[in-house]
Amino acid sequence: MTPEDYTTMGQVRAGVDAIDRQLVALLAERFAHMRAAARIKPERGQVRDEARKAQVIANARAEAERLGAPADTVAALWEQLVEASIAYEMEAFDRSRDDTHTRSP
């Protein structure tokens, strides 16, 4: 059943709940990639990469436009997602190193 076929709010809510479960699973997978990046990057300063951040947000915006989704909203969400991912990766980087001088104060 697609949203165009829904006739009740119960159907809409069930559809949204299903999508939310999928999104959370995808986010968990994305954060697993951040843990891998933290493990692979040799220096903490490499965690924040502004050029890559801009590219990721631009890619999300372009995909939203292609799909007819609100591009500005998607770009704003991706800005938050990327910042949260950077913070998560910094924490993972710090946890993965035993040397305390790599940790932020």
PDB file of N, CA and C in Angstrom:
ATOM      1  N   MET A   1       0.841  -1.173   0.000  1.00  0.00           N
ATOM      2  CA  MET A   1       0.000   0.000   0.000  1.00  0.00           C
ATOM      3  C   MET A   1       0.894   1.248   0.000  1.00  0.00           C
ATOM      4  N   THR A   2       0.567   2.211  -0.805  1.00  0.00           N
ATOM      5  CA  THR A   2       1.319   3.459  -0.879  1.00  0.00           C
ATOM      6  C   THR A   2       0.520   4.574  -0.206  1.00  0.00           C
ATOM      7  N   PRO A   3       1.180   5.684   0.145  1.00  0.00           N
ATOM      8  CA  PRO A   3       0.448   6.786   0.767  1.00  0.00           C
ATOM      9  C   PRO A   3      -0.751   7.251  -0.061  1.00  0.00           C
ATOM     10  N   GLU A   4      -0.656   7.167  -1.370  1.00  0.00           N
ATOM     11  CA  GLU A   4      -1.778   7.573  -2.225  1.00  0.00           C
ATOM     12  C   GLU A   4      -2.999   6.678  -2.033  1.00  0.00           C
ATOM     13  N   ASP A   5      -2.783   5.463  -1.526  1.00  0.00           N
ATOM     14  CA  ASP A   5      -3.882   4.515  -1.314  1.00  0.00           C
ATOM     15  C   ASP A   5      -4.497   4.617   0.081  1.00  0.00           C
ATOM     16  N   TYR A   6      -3.856   5.328   1.003  1.00  0.00           N
ATOM     17  CA  TYR A   6      -4.357   5.421   2.375  1.00  0.00           C
ATOM     18  C   TYR A   6      -5.717   6.104   2.404  1.00  0.00           C
ATOM     19  N   THR A   7      -6.556   5.615   3.307  1.00  0.00           N
ATOM     20  CA  THR A   7      -7.871   6.230   3.517  1.00  0.00           C
ATOM     21  C   THR A   7      -8.118   6.577   4.975  1.00  0.00           C
ATOM     22  N   THR A   8      -7.177   6.177   5.870  1.00  0.00           N
ATOM     23  CA  THR A   8      -7.346   6.463   7.295  1.00  0.00           C
ATOM     24  C   THR A   8      -6.045   6.996   7.884  1.00  0.00           C
ATOM     25  N   MET A   9      -6.179   7.740   8.979  1.00  0.00           N
ATOM     26  CA  MET A   9      -4.994   8.220   9.690  1.00  0.00           C
ATOM     27  C   MET A   9      -4.217   7.057  10.303  1.00  0.00           C
ATOM     28  N   GLY A  10      -4.891   5.989  10.650  1.00  0.00           N
ATOM     29  CA  GLY A  10      -4.206   4.806  11.172  1.00  0.00           C
ATOM     30  C   GLY A  10      -3.211   4.262  10.152  1.00  0.00           C
ATOM     31  N   GLN A  11      -3.605   4.243   8.885  1.00  0.00           N
ATOM     32  CA  GLN A  11      -2.703   3.788   7.828  1.00  0.00           C
ATOM     33  C   GLN A  11      -1.512   4.738   7.676  1.00  0.00           C
ATOM     34  N   VAL A  12      -1.813   6.030   7.718  1.00  0.00           N
ATOM     35  CA  VAL A  12      -0.740   7.025   7.617  1.00  0.00           C
ATOM     36  C   VAL A  12       0.251   6.838   8.761  1.00  0.00           C
ATOM     37  N   ARG A  13      -0.252   6.713   9.974  1.00  0.00           N
ATOM     38  CA  ARG A  13       0.614   6.579  11.147  1.00  0.00           C
ATOM     39  C   ARG A  13       1.423   5.294  11.101  1.00  0.00           C
ATOM     40  N   ALA A  14       0.794   4.208  10.677  1.00  0.00           N
ATOM     41  CA  ALA A  14       1.525   2.944  10.557  1.00  0.00           C
ATOM     42  C   ALA A  14       2.631   3.064   9.517  1.00  0.00           C
ATOM     43  N   GLY A  15       2.339   3.748   8.421  1.00  0.00           N
ATOM     44  CA  GLY A  15       3.362   3.963   7.389  1.00  0.00           C
ATOM     45  C   GLY A  15       4.512   4.800   7.903  1.00  0.00           C
ATOM     46  N   VAL A  16       4.197   5.869   8.620  1.00  0.00           N
ATOM     47  CA  VAL A  16       5.240   6.732   9.192  1.00  0.00           C
ATOM     48  C   VAL A  16       6.070   5.954  10.208  1.00  0.00           C
ATOM     49  N   ASP A  17       5.414   5.162  11.062  1.00  0.00           N
ATOM     50  CA  ASP A  17       6.141   4.374  12.054  1.00  0.00           C
ATOM     51  C   ASP A  17       7.092   3.382  11.383  1.00  0.00           C
ATOM     52  N   ALA A  18       6.660   2.770  10.303  1.00  0.00           N
ATOM     53  CA  ALA A  18       7.514   1.825   9.580  1.00  0.00           C
ATOM     54  C   ALA A  18       8.731   2.545   8.984  1.00  0.00           C
ATOM     55  N   ILE A  19       8.486   3.710   8.402  1.00  0.00           N
ATOM     56  CA  ILE A  19       9.587   4.502   7.838  1.00  0.00           C
ATOM     57  C   ILE A  19      10.556   4.911   8.945  1.00  0.00           C
ATOM     58  N   ASP A  20      10.026   5.326  10.092  1.00  0.00           N
ATOM     59  CA  ASP A  20      10.887   5.732  11.204  1.00  0.00           C
ATOM     60  C   ASP A  20      11.781   4.581  11.657  1.00  0.00           C
ATOM     61  N   ARG A  21      11.254   3.369  11.725  1.00  0.00           N
ATOM     62  CA  ARG A  21      12.074   2.211  12.108  1.00  0.00           C
ATOM     63  C   ARG A  21      13.201   2.012  11.090  1.00  0.00           C
ATOM     64  N   GLN A  22      12.888   2.156   9.812  1.00  0.00           N
ATOM     65  CA  GLN A  22      13.902   2.015   8.763  1.00  0.00           C
ATOM     66  C   GLN A  22      14.960   3.117   8.874  1.00  0.00           C
ATOM     67  N   LEU A  23      14.510   4.339   9.129  1.00  0.00           N
ATOM     68  CA  LEU A  23      15.454   5.450   9.268  1.00  0.00           C
ATOM     69  C   LEU A  23      16.404   5.244  10.445  1.00  0.00           C
ATOM     70  N   VAL A  24      15.872   4.780  11.566  1.00  0.00           N
ATOM     71  CA  VAL A  24      16.730   4.542  12.728  1.00  0.00           C
ATOM     72  C   VAL A  24      17.740   3.443  12.418  1.00  0.00           C
ATOM     73  N   ALA A  25      17.319   2.399  11.735  1.00  0.00           N
ATOM     74  CA  ALA A  25      18.250   1.333  11.355  1.00  0.00           C
ATOM     75  C   ALA A  25      19.337   1.878  10.427  1.00  0.00           C
ATOM     76  N   LEU A  26      18.961   2.721   9.486  1.00  0.00           N
ATOM     77  CA  LEU A  26      19.947   3.324   8.588  1.00  0.00           C
ATOM     78  C   LEU A  26      20.887   4.260   9.336  1.00  0.00           C
ATOM     79  N   LEU A  27      20.356   5.007  10.294  1.00  0.00           N
ATOM     80  CA  LEU A  27      21.217   5.883  11.092  1.00  0.00           C
ATOM     81  C   LEU A  27      22.205   5.061  11.917  1.00  0.00           C
ATOM     82  N   ALA A  28      21.760   3.957  12.475  1.00  0.00           N
ATOM     83  CA  ALA A  28      22.668   3.083  13.220  1.00  0.00           C
ATOM     84  C   ALA A  28      23.787   2.592  12.309  1.00  0.00           C
ATOM     85  N   GLU A  29      23.446   2.252  11.085  1.00  0.00           N
ATOM     86  CA  GLU A  29      24.455   1.815  10.115  1.00  0.00           C
ATOM     87  C   GLU A  29      25.413   2.961   9.778  1.00  0.00           C
ATOM     88  N   ARG A  30      24.862   4.166   9.617  1.00  0.00           N
ATOM     89  CA  ARG A  30      25.700   5.333   9.315  1.00  0.00           C
ATOM     90  C   ARG A  30      26.687   5.588  10.454  1.00  0.00           C
ATOM     91  N   PHE A  31      26.217   5.494  11.709  1.00  0.00           N
ATOM     92  CA  PHE A  31      27.105   5.707  12.845  1.00  0.00           C
ATOM     93  C   PHE A  31      28.153   4.602  12.955  1.00  0.00           C
ATOM     94  N   ALA A  32      27.849   3.397  12.494  1.00  0.00           N
ATOM     95  CA  ALA A  32      28.864   2.341  12.441  1.00  0.00           C
ATOM     96  C   ALA A  32      29.985   2.745  11.481  1.00  0.00           C
ATOM     97  N   HIS A  33      29.608   3.411  10.398  1.00  0.00           N
ATOM     98  CA  HIS A  33      30.624   3.914   9.467  1.00  0.00           C
ATOM     99  C   HIS A  33      31.484   4.996  10.142  1.00  0.00           C
ATOM    100  N   MET A  34      30.886   5.797  10.999  1.00  0.00           N
ATOM    101  CA  MET A  34      31.646   6.825  11.727  1.00  0.00           C
ATOM    102  C   MET A  34      32.641   6.172  12.674  1.00  0.00           C
ATOM    103  N   ARG A  35      32.239   5.062  13.310  1.00  0.00           N
ATOM    104  CA  ARG A  35      33.182   4.334  14.172  1.00  0.00           C
ATOM    105  C   ARG A  35      34.345   3.802  13.352  1.00  0.00           C
ATOM    106  N   ALA A  36      34.057   3.312  12.144  1.00  0.00           N
ATOM    107  CA  ALA A  36      35.127   2.824  11.278  1.00  0.00           C
ATOM    108  C   ALA A  36      36.063   3.967  10.895  1.00  0.00           C
ATOM    109  N   ALA A  37      35.498   5.120  10.566  1.00  0.00           N
ATOM    110  CA  ALA A  37      36.325   6.276  10.208  1.00  0.00           C
ATOM    111  C   ALA A  37      37.219   6.674  11.378  1.00  0.00           C
ATOM    112  N   ALA A  38      36.668   6.669  12.586  1.00  0.00           N
ATOM    113  CA  ALA A  38      37.456   7.016  13.775  1.00  0.00           C
ATOM    114  C   ALA A  38      38.604   6.040  13.981  1.00  0.00           C
ATOM    115  N   ARG A  39      38.354   4.792  13.678  1.00  0.00           N
ATOM    116  CA  ARG A  39      39.390   3.768  13.824  1.00  0.00           C
ATOM    117  C   ARG A  39      40.472   3.927  12.769  1.00  0.00           C
ATOM    118  N   ILE A  40      40.092   4.325  11.557  1.00  0.00           N
ATOM    119  CA  ILE A  40      41.010   4.375  10.423  1.00  0.00           C
ATOM    120  C   ILE A  40      41.826   5.665  10.385  1.00  0.00           C
ATOM    121  N   LYS A  41      41.228   6.781  10.727  1.00  0.00           N
ATOM    122  CA  LYS A  41      41.934   8.068  10.642  1.00  0.00           C
ATOM    123  C   LYS A  41      43.068   8.110  11.667  1.00  0.00           C
ATOM    124  N   PRO A  42      44.264   8.455  11.202  1.00  0.00           N
ATOM    125  CA  PRO A  42      45.405   8.436  12.126  1.00  0.00           C
ATOM    126  C   PRO A  42      45.455   9.636  13.073  1.00  0.00           C
ATOM    127  N   GLU A  43      44.836  10.751  12.714  1.00  0.00           N
ATOM    128  CA  GLU A  43      44.915  11.943  13.551  1.00  0.00           C
ATOM    129  C   GLU A  43      43.525  12.501  13.841  1.00  0.00           C
ATOM    130  N   ARG A  44      43.334  12.990  15.050  1.00  0.00           N
ATOM    131  CA  ARG A  44      42.041  13.534  15.475  1.00  0.00           C
ATOM    132  C   ARG A  44      41.609  14.710  14.603  1.00  0.00           C
ATOM    133  N   GLY A  45      42.562  15.516  14.174  1.00  0.00           N
ATOM    134  CA  GLY A  45      42.257  16.671  13.342  1.00  0.00           C
ATOM    135  C   GLY A  45      41.630  16.306  12.008  1.00  0.00           C
ATOM    136  N   GLN A  46      41.753  15.070  11.601  1.00  0.00           N
ATOM    137  CA  GLN A  46      41.164  14.619  10.343  1.00  0.00           C
ATOM    138  C   GLN A  46      39.680  14.305  10.473  1.00  0.00           C
ATOM    139  N   VAL A  47      39.166  14.268  11.690  1.00  0.00           N
ATOM    140  CA  VAL A  47      37.756  13.933  11.885  1.00  0.00           C
ATOM    141  C   VAL A  47      36.867  14.999  11.254  1.00  0.00           C
ATOM    142  N   ARG A  48      37.181  16.258  11.491  1.00  0.00           N
ATOM    143  CA  ARG A  48      36.392  17.344  10.889  1.00  0.00           C
ATOM    144  C   ARG A  48      36.995  17.676   9.531  1.00  0.00           C
ATOM    145  N   ASP A  49      36.181  17.499   8.508  1.00  0.00           N
ATOM    146  CA  ASP A  49      36.593  17.773   7.131  1.00  0.00           C
ATOM    147  C   ASP A  49      35.495  18.621   6.492  1.00  0.00           C
ATOM    148  N   GLU A  50      35.689  19.924   6.506  1.00  0.00           N
ATOM    149  CA  GLU A  50      34.649  20.845   6.037  1.00  0.00           C
ATOM    150  C   GLU A  50      34.309  20.643   4.569  1.00  0.00           C
ATOM    151  N   ALA A  51      35.297  20.304   3.743  1.00  0.00           N
ATOM    152  CA  ALA A  51      35.011  20.063   2.319  1.00  0.00           C
ATOM    153  C   ALA A  51      34.109  18.845   2.159  1.00  0.00           C
ATOM    154  N   ARG A  52      34.401  17.793   2.892  1.00  0.00           N
ATOM    155  CA  ARG A  52      33.565  16.586   2.828  1.00  0.00           C
ATOM    156  C   ARG A  52      32.173  16.870   3.376  1.00  0.00           C
ATOM    157  N   LYS A  53      32.093  17.647   4.460  1.00  0.00           N
ATOM    158  CA  LYS A  53      30.796  18.007   5.031  1.00  0.00           C
ATOM    159  C   LYS A  53      29.951  18.717   3.982  1.00  0.00           C
ATOM    160  N   ALA A  54      30.530  19.690   3.303  1.00  0.00           N
ATOM    161  CA  ALA A  54      29.797  20.438   2.271  1.00  0.00           C
ATOM    162  C   ALA A  54      29.343  19.514   1.148  1.00  0.00           C
ATOM    163  N   GLN A  55      30.196  18.572   0.776  1.00  0.00           N
ATOM    164  CA  GLN A  55      29.863  17.624  -0.293  1.00  0.00           C
ATOM    165  C   GLN A  55      28.687  16.733   0.114  1.00  0.00           C
ATOM    166  N   VAL A  56      28.709  16.240   1.342  1.00  0.00           N
ATOM    167  CA  VAL A  56      27.640  15.354   1.829  1.00  0.00           C
ATOM    168  C   VAL A  56      26.300  16.102   1.840  1.00  0.00           C
ATOM    169  N   ILE A  57      26.323  17.337   2.314  1.00  0.00           N
ATOM    170  CA  ILE A  57      25.085  18.131   2.372  1.00  0.00           C
ATOM    171  C   ILE A  57      24.599  18.451   0.959  1.00  0.00           C
ATOM    172  N   ALA A  58      25.516  18.794   0.067  1.00  0.00           N
ATOM    173  CA  ALA A  58      25.137  19.073  -1.329  1.00  0.00           C
ATOM    174  C   ALA A  58      24.553  17.828  -1.989  1.00  0.00           C
ATOM    175  N   ASN A  59      25.132  16.664  -1.710  1.00  0.00           N
ATOM    176  CA  ASN A  59      24.605  15.415  -2.262  1.00  0.00           C
ATOM    177  C   ASN A  59      23.189  15.147  -1.764  1.00  0.00           C
ATOM    178  N   ALA A  60      22.958  15.384  -0.477  1.00  0.00           N
ATOM    179  CA  ALA A  60      21.622  15.170   0.094  1.00  0.00           C
ATOM    180  C   ALA A  60      20.625  16.142  -0.524  1.00  0.00           C
ATOM    181  N   ARG A  61      21.031  17.392  -0.688  1.00  0.00           N
ATOM    182  CA  ARG A  61      20.164  18.398  -1.303  1.00  0.00           C
ATOM    183  C   ARG A  61      19.809  17.989  -2.738  1.00  0.00           C
ATOM    184  N   ALA A  62      20.800  17.563  -3.496  1.00  0.00           N
ATOM    185  CA  ALA A  62      20.566  17.165  -4.886  1.00  0.00           C
ATOM    186  C   ALA A  62      19.633  15.957  -4.965  1.00  0.00           C
ATOM    187  N   GLU A  63      19.815  15.013  -4.070  1.00  0.00           N
ATOM    188  CA  GLU A  63      18.950  13.822  -4.068  1.00  0.00           C
ATOM    189  C   GLU A  63      17.520  14.204  -3.689  1.00  0.00           C
ATOM    190  N   ALA A  64      17.381  15.112  -2.733  1.00  0.00           N
ATOM    191  CA  ALA A  64      16.049  15.591  -2.359  1.00  0.00           C
ATOM    192  C   ALA A  64      15.377  16.265  -3.555  1.00  0.00           C
ATOM    193  N   GLU A  65      16.110  17.095  -4.243  1.00  0.00           N
ATOM    194  CA  GLU A  65      15.550  17.770  -5.420  1.00  0.00           C
ATOM    195  C   GLU A  65      15.125  16.751  -6.474  1.00  0.00           C
ATOM    196  N   ARG A  66      15.982  15.744  -6.695  1.00  0.00           N
ATOM    197  CA  ARG A  66      15.673  14.706  -7.680  1.00  0.00           C
ATOM    198  C   ARG A  66      14.390  13.967  -7.334  1.00  0.00           C
ATOM    199  N   LEU A  67      14.172  13.754  -6.029  1.00  0.00           N
ATOM    200  CA  LEU A  67      13.010  12.998  -5.572  1.00  0.00           C
ATOM    201  C   LEU A  67      11.776  13.863  -5.319  1.00  0.00           C
ATOM    202  N   GLY A  68      11.927  15.164  -5.456  1.00  0.00           N
ATOM    203  CA  GLY A  68      10.801  16.058  -5.221  1.00  0.00           C
ATOM    204  C   GLY A  68      10.524  16.315  -3.748  1.00  0.00           C
ATOM    205  N   ALA A  69      11.519  16.092  -2.913  1.00  0.00           N
ATOM    206  CA  ALA A  69      11.398  16.365  -1.481  1.00  0.00           C
ATOM    207  C   ALA A  69      11.862  17.799  -1.222  1.00  0.00           C
ATOM    208  N   PRO A  70      11.483  18.384  -0.089  1.00  0.00           N
ATOM    209  CA  PRO A  70      11.887  19.765   0.196  1.00  0.00           C
ATOM    210  C   PRO A  70      13.396  19.866   0.435  1.00  0.00           C
ATOM    211  N   ALA A  71      14.115  20.365  -0.554  1.00  0.00           N
ATOM    212  CA  ALA A  71      15.582  20.362  -0.543  1.00  0.00           C
ATOM    213  C   ALA A  71      16.161  21.182   0.614  1.00  0.00           C
ATOM    214  N   ASP A  72      15.579  22.338   0.914  1.00  0.00           N
ATOM    215  CA  ASP A  72      16.100  23.156   2.012  1.00  0.00           C
ATOM    216  C   ASP A  72      15.959  22.431   3.344  1.00  0.00           C
ATOM    217  N   THR A  73      14.845  21.762   3.533  1.00  0.00           N
ATOM    218  CA  THR A  73      14.618  21.016   4.772  1.00  0.00           C
ATOM    219  C   THR A  73      15.593  19.858   4.878  1.00  0.00           C
ATOM    220  N   VAL A  74      15.777  19.134   3.792  1.00  0.00           N
ATOM    221  CA  VAL A  74      16.708  18.003   3.799  1.00  0.00           C
ATOM    222  C   VAL A  74      18.125  18.500   4.072  1.00  0.00           C
ATOM    223  N   ALA A  75      18.531  19.591   3.434  1.00  0.00           N
ATOM    224  CA  ALA A  75      19.872  20.134   3.660  1.00  0.00           C
ATOM    225  C   ALA A  75      20.057  20.534   5.122  1.00  0.00           C
ATOM    226  N   ALA A  76      19.040  21.134   5.728  1.00  0.00           N
ATOM    227  CA  ALA A  76      19.121  21.519   7.141  1.00  0.00           C
ATOM    228  C   ALA A  76      19.222  20.284   8.041  1.00  0.00           C
ATOM    229  N   LEU A  77      18.457  19.259   7.729  1.00  0.00           N
ATOM    230  CA  LEU A  77      18.550  18.013   8.486  1.00  0.00           C
ATOM    231  C   LEU A  77      19.937  17.397   8.354  1.00  0.00           C
ATOM    232  N   TRP A  78      20.479  17.436   7.143  1.00  0.00           N
ATOM    233  CA  TRP A  78      21.803  16.851   6.912  1.00  0.00           C
ATOM    234  C   TRP A  78      22.889  17.651   7.620  1.00  0.00           C
ATOM    235  N   GLU A  79      22.723  18.946   7.714  1.00  0.00           N
ATOM    236  CA  GLU A  79      23.664  19.772   8.486  1.00  0.00           C
ATOM    237  C   GLU A  79      23.718  19.264   9.925  1.00  0.00           C
ATOM    238  N   GLN A  80      22.553  19.033  10.521  1.00  0.00           N
ATOM    239  CA  GLN A  80      22.493  18.517  11.890  1.00  0.00           C
ATOM    240  C   GLN A  80      23.057  17.103  11.971  1.00  0.00           C
ATOM    241  N   LEU A  81      22.717  16.277  10.994  1.00  0.00           N
ATOM    242  CA  LEU A  81      23.199  14.890  10.982  1.00  0.00           C
ATOM    243  C   LEU A  81      24.718  14.841  10.882  1.00  0.00           C
ATOM    244  N   VAL A  82      25.275  15.634   9.986  1.00  0.00           N
ATOM    245  CA  VAL A  82      26.725  15.621   9.809  1.00  0.00           C
ATOM    246  C   VAL A  82      27.421  16.144  11.066  1.00  0.00           C
ATOM    247  N   GLU A  83      26.899  17.197  11.666  1.00  0.00           N
ATOM    248  CA  GLU A  83      27.503  17.702  12.904  1.00  0.00           C
ATOM    249  C   GLU A  83      27.421  16.661  14.018  1.00  0.00           C
ATOM    250  N   ALA A  84      26.291  15.983  14.134  1.00  0.00           N
ATOM    251  CA  ALA A  84      26.154  14.916  15.136  1.00  0.00           C
ATOM    252  C   ALA A  84      27.121  13.771  14.832  1.00  0.00           C
ATOM    253  N   SER A  85      27.306  13.476  13.566  1.00  0.00           N
ATOM    254  CA  SER A  85      28.228  12.411  13.164  1.00  0.00           C
ATOM    255  C   SER A  85      29.667  12.782  13.492  1.00  0.00           C
ATOM    256  N   ILE A  86      30.029  14.037  13.279  1.00  0.00           N
ATOM    257  CA  ILE A  86      31.378  14.490  13.612  1.00  0.00           C
ATOM    258  C   ILE A  86      31.604  14.377  15.116  1.00  0.00           C
ATOM    259  N   ALA A  87      30.649  14.825  15.907  1.00  0.00           N
ATOM    260  CA  ALA A  87      30.777  14.724  17.362  1.00  0.00           C
ATOM    261  C   ALA A  87      30.906  13.268  17.800  1.00  0.00           C
ATOM    262  N   TYR A  88      30.097  12.397  17.200  1.00  0.00           N
ATOM    263  CA  TYR A  88      30.146  10.974  17.525  1.00  0.00           C
ATOM    264  C   TYR A  88      31.504  10.385  17.137  1.00  0.00           C
ATOM    265  N   GLU A  89      31.994  10.753  15.970  1.00  0.00           N
ATOM    266  CA  GLU A  89      33.287  10.241  15.512  1.00  0.00           C
ATOM    267  C   GLU A  89      34.422  10.737  16.403  1.00  0.00           C
ATOM    268  N   MET A  90      34.351  11.997  16.845  1.00  0.00           N
ATOM    269  CA  MET A  90      35.371  12.523  17.769  1.00  0.00           C
ATOM    270  C   MET A  90      35.391  11.692  19.052  1.00  0.00           C
ATOM    271  N   GLU A  91      34.220  11.415  19.586  1.00  0.00           N
ATOM    272  CA  GLU A  91      34.137  10.602  20.804  1.00  0.00           C
ATOM    273  C   GLU A  91      34.690   9.203  20.551  1.00  0.00           C
ATOM    274  N   ALA A  92      34.334   8.616  19.414  1.00  0.00           N
ATOM    275  CA  ALA A  92      34.827   7.279  19.082  1.00  0.00           C
ATOM    276  C   ALA A  92      36.340   7.298  18.899  1.00  0.00           C
ATOM    277  N   PHE A  93      36.853   8.346  18.270  1.00  0.00           N
ATOM    278  CA  PHE A  93      38.297   8.476  18.093  1.00  0.00           C
ATOM    279  C   PHE A  93      38.982   8.512  19.455  1.00  0.00           C
ATOM    280  N   ASP A  94      38.470   9.360  20.340  1.00  0.00           N
ATOM    281  CA  ASP A  94      39.065   9.486  21.671  1.00  0.00           C
ATOM    282  C   ASP A  94      39.004   8.170  22.441  1.00  0.00           C
ATOM    283  N   ARG A  95      37.867   7.489  22.376  1.00  0.00           N
ATOM    284  CA  ARG A  95      37.729   6.211  23.092  1.00  0.00           C
ATOM    285  C   ARG A  95      38.682   5.149  22.546  1.00  0.00           C
ATOM    286  N   SER A  96      38.988   5.241  21.260  1.00  0.00           N
ATOM    287  CA  SER A  96      39.808   4.197  20.639  1.00  0.00           C
ATOM    288  C   SER A  96      41.302   4.387  20.884  1.00  0.00           C
ATOM    289  N   ARG A  97      41.677   5.532  21.427  1.00  0.00           N
ATOM    290  CA  ARG A  97      43.093   5.805  21.687  1.00  0.00           C
ATOM    291  C   ARG A  97      43.348   5.741  23.187  1.00  0.00           C
ATOM    292  N   ASP A  98      44.427   5.098  23.557  1.00  0.00           N
ATOM    293  CA  ASP A  98      44.795   5.017  24.970  1.00  0.00           C
ATOM    294  C   ASP A  98      45.571   6.248  25.412  1.00  0.00           C
ATOM    295  N   ASP A  99      46.161   6.930  24.489  1.00  0.00           N
ATOM    296  CA  ASP A  99      47.007   8.085  24.785  1.00  0.00           C
ATOM    297  C   ASP A  99      46.128   9.287  25.130  1.00  0.00           C
ATOM    298  N   THR A 100      46.131   9.727  26.366  1.00  0.00           N
ATOM    299  CA  THR A 100      45.237  10.791  26.808  1.00  0.00           C
ATOM    300  C   THR A 100      45.550  12.139  26.202  1.00  0.00           C
ATOM    301  N   HIS A 101      46.722  12.347  25.606  1.00  0.00           N
ATOM    302  CA  HIS A 101      46.999  13.674  25.028  1.00  0.00           C
ATOM    303  C   HIS A 101      46.214  13.921  23.750  1.00  0.00           C
ATOM    304  N   THR A 102      45.562  12.895  23.198  1.00  0.00           N
ATOM    305  CA  THR A 102      44.727  13.113  22.012  1.00  0.00           C
ATOM    306  C   THR A 102      43.326  13.537  22.408  1.00  0.00           C
ATOM    307  N   ARG A 103      43.007  13.462  23.678  1.00  0.00           N
ATOM    308  CA  ARG A 103      41.656  13.803  24.135  1.00  0.00           C
ATOM    309  C   ARG A 103      41.533  15.302  24.342  1.00  0.00           C
ATOM    310  N   SER A 104      40.329  15.805  24.051  1.00  0.00           N
ATOM    311  CA  SER A 104      40.080  17.228  24.288  1.00  0.00           C
ATOM    312  C   SER A 104      39.838  17.455  25.770  1.00  0.00           C
ATOM    313  N   PRO A 105      40.135  18.654  26.269  1.00  0.00           N
ATOM    314  CA  PRO A 105      39.958  18.909  27.709  1.00  0.00           C
ATOM    315  C   PRO A 105      38.518  18.922  28.118  1.00  0.00           C
TER     316      PRO A 105
END
